[in-house]
Amino acid sequence: MKSYIKTHSWTYNLLAKIYRFLGRNKVTVRGRWNQYSLNVPGLFLAHARIVIHGNNNKLIFLPNKLGEVTHFTKLNITIHGNNNIITIGSCSSGSGFSICMEDDNNRVVLGRQFTVGPNTELAVIEGTTIEFGDDCMLSANITLRTGDSHSITDLQGNRTNPSKSIKIGNHVWIGNTVLIFKGTQVADNSIVAGGTVGGGKMYPSHSIIGGNPAKVIKEGVNWDRRRLPL
């Protein structure tokens, strides 16, 4: 039966629609020219909450090839502002994952095969971007923020804490209870160790990043989703 479903598009798409229908997903959209669709091949969505307030915002789930699946439970997406775009790559999955956008012209891009654990949040404000490449794996209790939400000023009242984008490369593994703040860039094939706190720096490919503040603690490494024998 599973083999039949994966190789016949009508049963494959029907099963995804039934799953979404029974999943009690809630979508609230207010404003003009907003675009979103859950009618996407291979999209399995349950207990999602999607709120879009503003104009000309886009929520895009990229379609899967026949037999591939994007599966999220308790996905929480909130957009308040205009001209914002969220793109979620194919073959992605997670539970208890949140994306929050405020202000205008923000972007979130999740590459193909993005996987994420619970209590993880991406927060984007003031026209910034959080971008992940393909095949990124996130554990639980992770926060990425492009801004401070409030203002820091000098003694003359001038604001001194601009928001800055975050970029995570391809095939990056982020461990449990990690905080990544504005201006951070992590290159391909790297690992961010559990408990790391970092912001405002660029980290090289094939490295392990750890500590508070985050620093490179090992180079010349890679990682695999499989638990390989020693």
Foldseek 3Di string as FASTA:
>chain_A
DLVVLLVDQVNQLVVQVVQAVVQPEEEAEAEEQEDDDPSAGQEREHLEYYYYYEYNEYEEEHHDDRNAHEEEYHEYEYEAEHAEYEYAETNEYEYQEYEYEYYHQEYEEHEAHEYEYHLEYEYEYDNEYEYEYYQEYEYYQEYEYQFDPDFDADPVRHGDTDGAYEYEYYQEYEYANEYEYHQEYEYEQEYEDHPEYEYNDYYYHQFYWGDVPIDTPGHDHGDDPDPDDD
